[in-house]
Protein backbone atom coordinates (compact mmCIF):
# COMPACT_ATOMS: atom_id res chain seq x y z
CA MET A 1 75.49 -30.46 22.20
CA MET A 2 79.28 -30.62 23.01
CA ARG A 3 82.20 -32.80 22.68
CA LEU A 4 82.65 -35.39 25.46
CA ASP A 5 86.26 -34.23 26.35
CA LYS A 6 85.07 -30.64 26.78
CA PHE A 7 82.08 -31.64 28.79
CA LEU A 8 84.40 -33.57 31.23
CA SER A 9 87.05 -30.74 31.32
CA ASN A 10 84.34 -28.18 31.96
CA ALA A 11 82.89 -30.32 34.79
CA GLY A 12 86.42 -30.11 36.48
CA ILE A 13 87.28 -33.75 36.01
CA ALA A 14 90.73 -33.16 34.49
CA SER A 15 92.62 -31.11 31.64
CA ARG A 16 91.71 -31.88 28.02
CA SER A 17 95.06 -33.85 27.62
CA GLU A 18 94.55 -35.83 30.84
CA ILE A 19 90.95 -36.71 29.85
CA LYS A 20 92.39 -38.61 26.64
CA LYS A 21 94.18 -40.86 29.05
CA ILE A 22 91.07 -41.34 31.10
CA LEU A 23 89.02 -42.32 28.23
CA LYS A 24 91.64 -44.92 26.83
CA LYS A 25 91.22 -46.69 30.40
CA GLY A 26 87.64 -47.12 29.79
CA ALA A 27 86.72 -45.03 32.98
CA VAL A 28 83.94 -43.19 31.34
CA ARG A 29 80.41 -44.37 30.29
CA VAL A 30 77.77 -42.47 28.32
CA ASN A 31 74.28 -43.83 28.69
CA GLY A 32 75.63 -46.95 29.96
CA ASN A 33 78.29 -47.48 27.25
CA VAL A 34 81.99 -47.31 27.66
CA VAL A 35 83.30 -44.40 25.46
CA SER A 36 86.85 -43.77 24.43
CA ASP A 37 86.49 -41.14 21.89
CA GLY A 38 86.51 -37.49 23.22
CA LYS A 39 85.16 -36.15 19.99
CA LEU A 40 81.74 -37.99 20.72
CA GLN A 41 78.96 -35.34 20.72
CA ILE A 42 76.70 -35.57 23.62
CA ASP A 43 73.72 -33.72 24.93
CA GLU A 44 74.93 -32.22 28.29
CA THR A 45 71.27 -31.82 29.44
CA ALA A 46 70.01 -35.16 28.71
CA ASP A 47 72.71 -37.73 28.33
CA GLN A 48 74.08 -39.58 31.56
CA VAL A 49 77.76 -39.44 31.77
CA LEU A 50 79.51 -41.54 34.57
CA TYR A 51 83.15 -41.22 35.51
CA GLN A 52 84.55 -44.22 37.59
CA GLY A 53 80.82 -45.17 38.29
CA LYS A 54 79.77 -41.74 39.55
CA LYS A 55 77.54 -39.27 37.69
CA VAL A 56 79.27 -36.17 36.35
CA GLU A 57 77.16 -33.30 37.25
CA TYR A 58 77.74 -30.69 34.71
CA GLU A 59 77.38 -26.89 35.50
CA THR A 60 78.18 -24.26 32.85
CA PHE A 61 80.91 -22.02 34.42
CA VAL A 62 82.31 -19.08 32.63
CA TYR A 63 85.88 -17.75 33.28
CA TYR A 64 87.28 -14.51 32.00
CA ALA A 65 90.49 -12.39 32.47
CA PHE A 66 89.72 -8.86 32.26
CA HIS A 67 92.01 -5.83 32.03
CA LYS A 68 89.91 -3.25 33.98
CA PRO A 69 90.46 0.26 32.96
CA ALA A 70 90.13 3.26 35.47
CA GLY A 71 86.72 4.81 35.51
CA CYS A 72 84.59 1.61 35.77
CA VAL A 73 83.18 -0.11 38.93
CA CYS A 74 83.10 -3.76 39.82
CA ALA A 75 79.26 -4.09 39.85
CA ALA A 76 76.36 -5.37 37.70
CA ARG A 77 74.83 -1.85 37.64
CA ASP A 78 75.74 1.57 38.71
CA ALA A 79 73.95 4.75 38.43
CA LEU A 80 76.93 7.06 38.16
CA HIS A 81 79.53 5.12 36.33
CA PRO A 82 80.01 2.31 33.78
CA THR A 83 80.55 -1.11 35.16
CA VAL A 84 82.91 -3.92 33.95
CA PHE A 85 79.81 -5.41 32.38
CA ASN A 86 79.93 -2.54 29.71
CA TYR A 87 83.03 -4.29 28.46
CA VAL A 88 82.41 -7.84 29.26
CA PRO A 89 78.97 -9.09 28.09
CA MET A 90 76.82 -10.69 30.85
CA ASN A 91 75.92 -14.27 30.28
CA ALA A 92 72.33 -15.63 29.65
CA LYS A 93 71.75 -16.51 33.25
CA GLN A 94 72.88 -12.91 34.31
CA ASP A 95 74.96 -14.51 37.06
CA LEU A 96 78.56 -13.39 36.43
CA PHE A 97 80.46 -11.41 39.01
CA THR A 98 83.99 -10.14 39.67
CA VAL A 99 86.31 -12.21 42.11
CA GLY A 100 87.04 -9.32 44.26
CA ARG A 101 86.96 -5.71 43.53
CA LEU A 102 89.26 -2.75 42.18
CA ASP A 103 88.63 0.80 43.06
CA LEU A 104 87.00 3.20 40.52
CA ASP A 105 90.58 4.51 39.66
CA THR A 106 92.53 1.30 39.96
CA GLU A 107 93.32 -0.66 36.72
CA GLY A 108 94.59 -4.26 36.10
CA LEU A 109 93.50 -7.96 36.30
CA LEU A 110 90.11 -8.93 37.24
CA LEU A 111 88.78 -12.37 37.12
CA ILE A 112 85.09 -12.63 36.16
CA THR A 113 83.11 -15.87 36.64
CA ASN A 114 79.85 -17.29 37.87
CA ASP A 115 81.91 -20.00 39.81
CA GLY A 116 81.33 -19.42 43.59
CA ALA A 117 83.82 -22.03 44.61
CA LEU A 118 86.61 -20.43 42.64
CA SER A 119 85.88 -17.00 44.14
CA HIS A 120 85.67 -18.44 47.61
CA ALA A 121 89.12 -20.33 47.08
CA LEU A 122 90.79 -16.97 45.85
CA LEU A 123 89.23 -14.54 48.46
CA SER A 124 88.97 -16.48 51.62
CA PRO A 125 91.30 -14.97 54.37
CA LYS A 126 92.32 -18.45 55.12
CA LYS A 127 93.85 -19.13 51.94
CA HIS A 128 96.30 -16.08 51.81
CA VAL A 129 96.25 -15.90 47.99
CA LYS A 130 98.85 -13.23 47.02
CA LYS A 131 98.04 -10.19 44.82
CA THR A 132 100.56 -8.15 43.31
CA TYR A 133 100.20 -4.39 42.23
CA LEU A 134 102.25 -1.65 40.57
CA ALA A 135 101.98 1.51 42.19
CA TYR A 136 103.34 5.17 41.49
CA LEU A 137 103.80 7.15 44.59
CA ASP A 138 103.98 10.93 45.20
CA ALA A 139 107.47 10.62 46.96
CA PRO A 140 110.37 7.95 46.45
CA ALA A 141 110.20 4.86 48.53
CA ASP A 142 113.11 3.80 50.67
CA PRO A 143 114.33 0.82 52.70
CA ALA A 144 112.42 2.00 55.71
CA ASP A 145 109.11 1.49 53.77
CA ILE A 146 110.39 -2.18 52.81
CA ARG A 147 110.90 -2.91 56.61
CA LEU A 148 107.39 -1.51 57.49
CA PHE A 149 105.64 -3.54 54.85
CA ALA A 150 107.66 -6.64 55.86
CA GLU A 151 106.48 -6.21 59.55
CA GLY A 152 102.94 -5.35 58.94
CA ILE A 153 101.37 -1.95 59.13
CA ASP A 154 98.62 -0.32 61.34
CA ILE A 155 96.04 1.08 59.05
CA GLY A 156 93.46 1.50 61.71
CA GLU A 157 92.03 -1.95 61.67
CA LYS A 158 91.68 -4.32 64.75
CA ARG A 159 95.09 -5.77 63.86
CA PRO A 160 97.97 -4.77 61.61
CA THR A 161 98.23 -5.93 58.16
CA LYS A 162 99.94 -9.30 57.56
CA PRO A 163 103.58 -9.04 56.44
CA ALA A 164 103.76 -7.75 52.79
CA GLU A 165 106.55 -7.23 50.16
CA LEU A 166 107.49 -3.81 48.65
CA VAL A 167 110.00 -3.78 45.90
CA ILE A 168 111.39 -0.56 44.75
CA ASP A 169 112.16 -0.03 40.97
CA GLN A 170 115.87 0.74 40.72
CA ASN A 171 115.17 3.11 37.83
CA ASP A 172 112.52 5.13 39.57
CA PRO A 173 111.97 4.92 43.35
CA THR A 174 108.47 6.42 43.08
CA HIS A 175 107.42 3.29 41.21
CA VAL A 176 107.02 0.10 43.48
CA TYR A 177 105.68 -3.33 43.34
CA ILE A 178 103.50 -4.35 46.42
CA THR A 179 102.33 -7.84 47.15
CA ILE A 180 99.83 -8.54 49.84
CA SER A 181 97.92 -11.69 50.84
CA GLU A 182 94.78 -9.95 52.28
CA GLY A 183 92.00 -7.88 50.99
CA MET A 184 91.00 -5.10 53.23
CA TYR A 185 89.23 -2.02 51.96
CA HIS A 186 91.64 0.18 50.01
CA GLN A 187 94.57 -1.74 51.74
CA VAL A 188 97.42 -0.89 49.38
CA LYS A 189 96.51 2.91 49.50
CA ARG A 190 96.23 2.81 53.21
CA MET A 191 99.53 0.99 53.59
CA VAL A 192 101.24 3.51 51.57
CA HIS A 193 99.50 6.46 53.33
CA ALA A 194 100.77 5.02 56.77
CA CYS A 195 104.31 5.24 55.37
CA GLY A 196 103.87 8.89 54.79
CA LYS A 197 103.26 8.67 51.01
CA GLU A 198 100.28 8.63 48.66
CA VAL A 199 99.41 6.41 45.70
CA LEU A 200 98.94 8.30 42.46
CA TYR A 201 98.42 5.30 40.21
CA LEU A 202 97.47 1.61 41.02
CA LYS A 203 97.38 -1.40 38.82
CA ARG A 204 96.86 -4.95 39.82
CA LEU A 205 99.33 -7.40 37.92
CA SER A 206 98.46 -10.70 39.40
CA MET A 207 96.23 -12.71 41.66
CA GLY A 208 97.51 -16.00 42.82
CA GLU A 209 98.63 -17.95 39.64
CA PHE A 210 96.77 -15.69 37.29
CA SER A 211 98.62 -12.69 35.80
CA LEU A 212 97.87 -9.80 33.52
CA GLU A 213 99.79 -10.14 30.19
CA ASP A 214 101.02 -7.06 28.34
CA THR A 215 99.06 -8.13 25.33
CA LEU A 216 95.66 -7.71 26.97
CA ASP A 217 94.59 -4.20 26.28
CA LYS A 218 92.71 -2.07 28.74
CA GLY A 219 89.02 -2.85 28.44
CA ALA A 220 89.66 -6.21 26.78
CA TYR A 221 88.92 -9.66 28.00
CA ARG A 222 89.67 -13.30 27.18
CA THR A 223 88.77 -16.74 28.20
CA LEU A 224 91.21 -18.60 30.47
CA THR A 225 93.95 -20.94 28.84
CA GLU A 226 94.01 -24.55 29.40
CA LYS A 227 96.98 -23.89 31.94
CA GLU A 228 94.84 -21.34 33.80
CA MET A 229 91.84 -23.87 33.82
CA ASN A 230 94.24 -26.24 35.66
CA TYR A 231 94.91 -23.51 38.08
CA VAL A 232 91.10 -23.16 38.66
CA ARG A 233 90.73 -26.97 39.28
CA GLU A 234 93.80 -26.80 41.74
CA TYR A 235 92.25 -23.73 43.77
CA LYS A 236 88.77 -25.29 43.82
CA GLY A 237 90.29 -28.75 44.94
CA SER A 238 91.84 -26.90 47.79
CA THR A 239 88.45 -25.89 49.16
CA LEU A 240 86.97 -29.38 49.16
């Protein structure tokens, strides 16, 4: 059993605040009856819910933001290393996965879900979703590196990378912020290598509209906020 407003929100109809307005307009029926109270408890597996005359198909999606530490891999199982699911418990259906991957030694933001539509929206090359990283280099970055990143870099693929952004920390030029809109294998490390330097430390700070806040410790995870769930709906809507 669950509240009607939560059911509608989880089904992707709208945010909880917007659902209040929808209910007041009489746009929702439960088992044939117009319902305006979002607190109504329904059986999501048995009750029929209609929105604007159309049946609402409910799927239980899970969304977590996870601060991946170094030393674990983005897989359900691994014979050599702990996985992210040593930190984030697998759900009953055993169908959670990471949206993209981070290398064994890379830290930072990972989204974990069982929602394939969201994963596609964030990872599809056609969507150009930006990802920002903090990197520590073995040598100071300089304006020439900024230009190379902005032009696109040959890293041995069929084509150069798409234009990317490199911002140098004014207090320490070995610390840089790199924003890319692709997801090639080891892309950030290979781009830095092509500039004659090496990455010593790498941390993903953001992916699209989702960011890693300072309060989320390494190895910790949390459910998405309502604001972030609105982003989920926006990204999924762009794939329809």
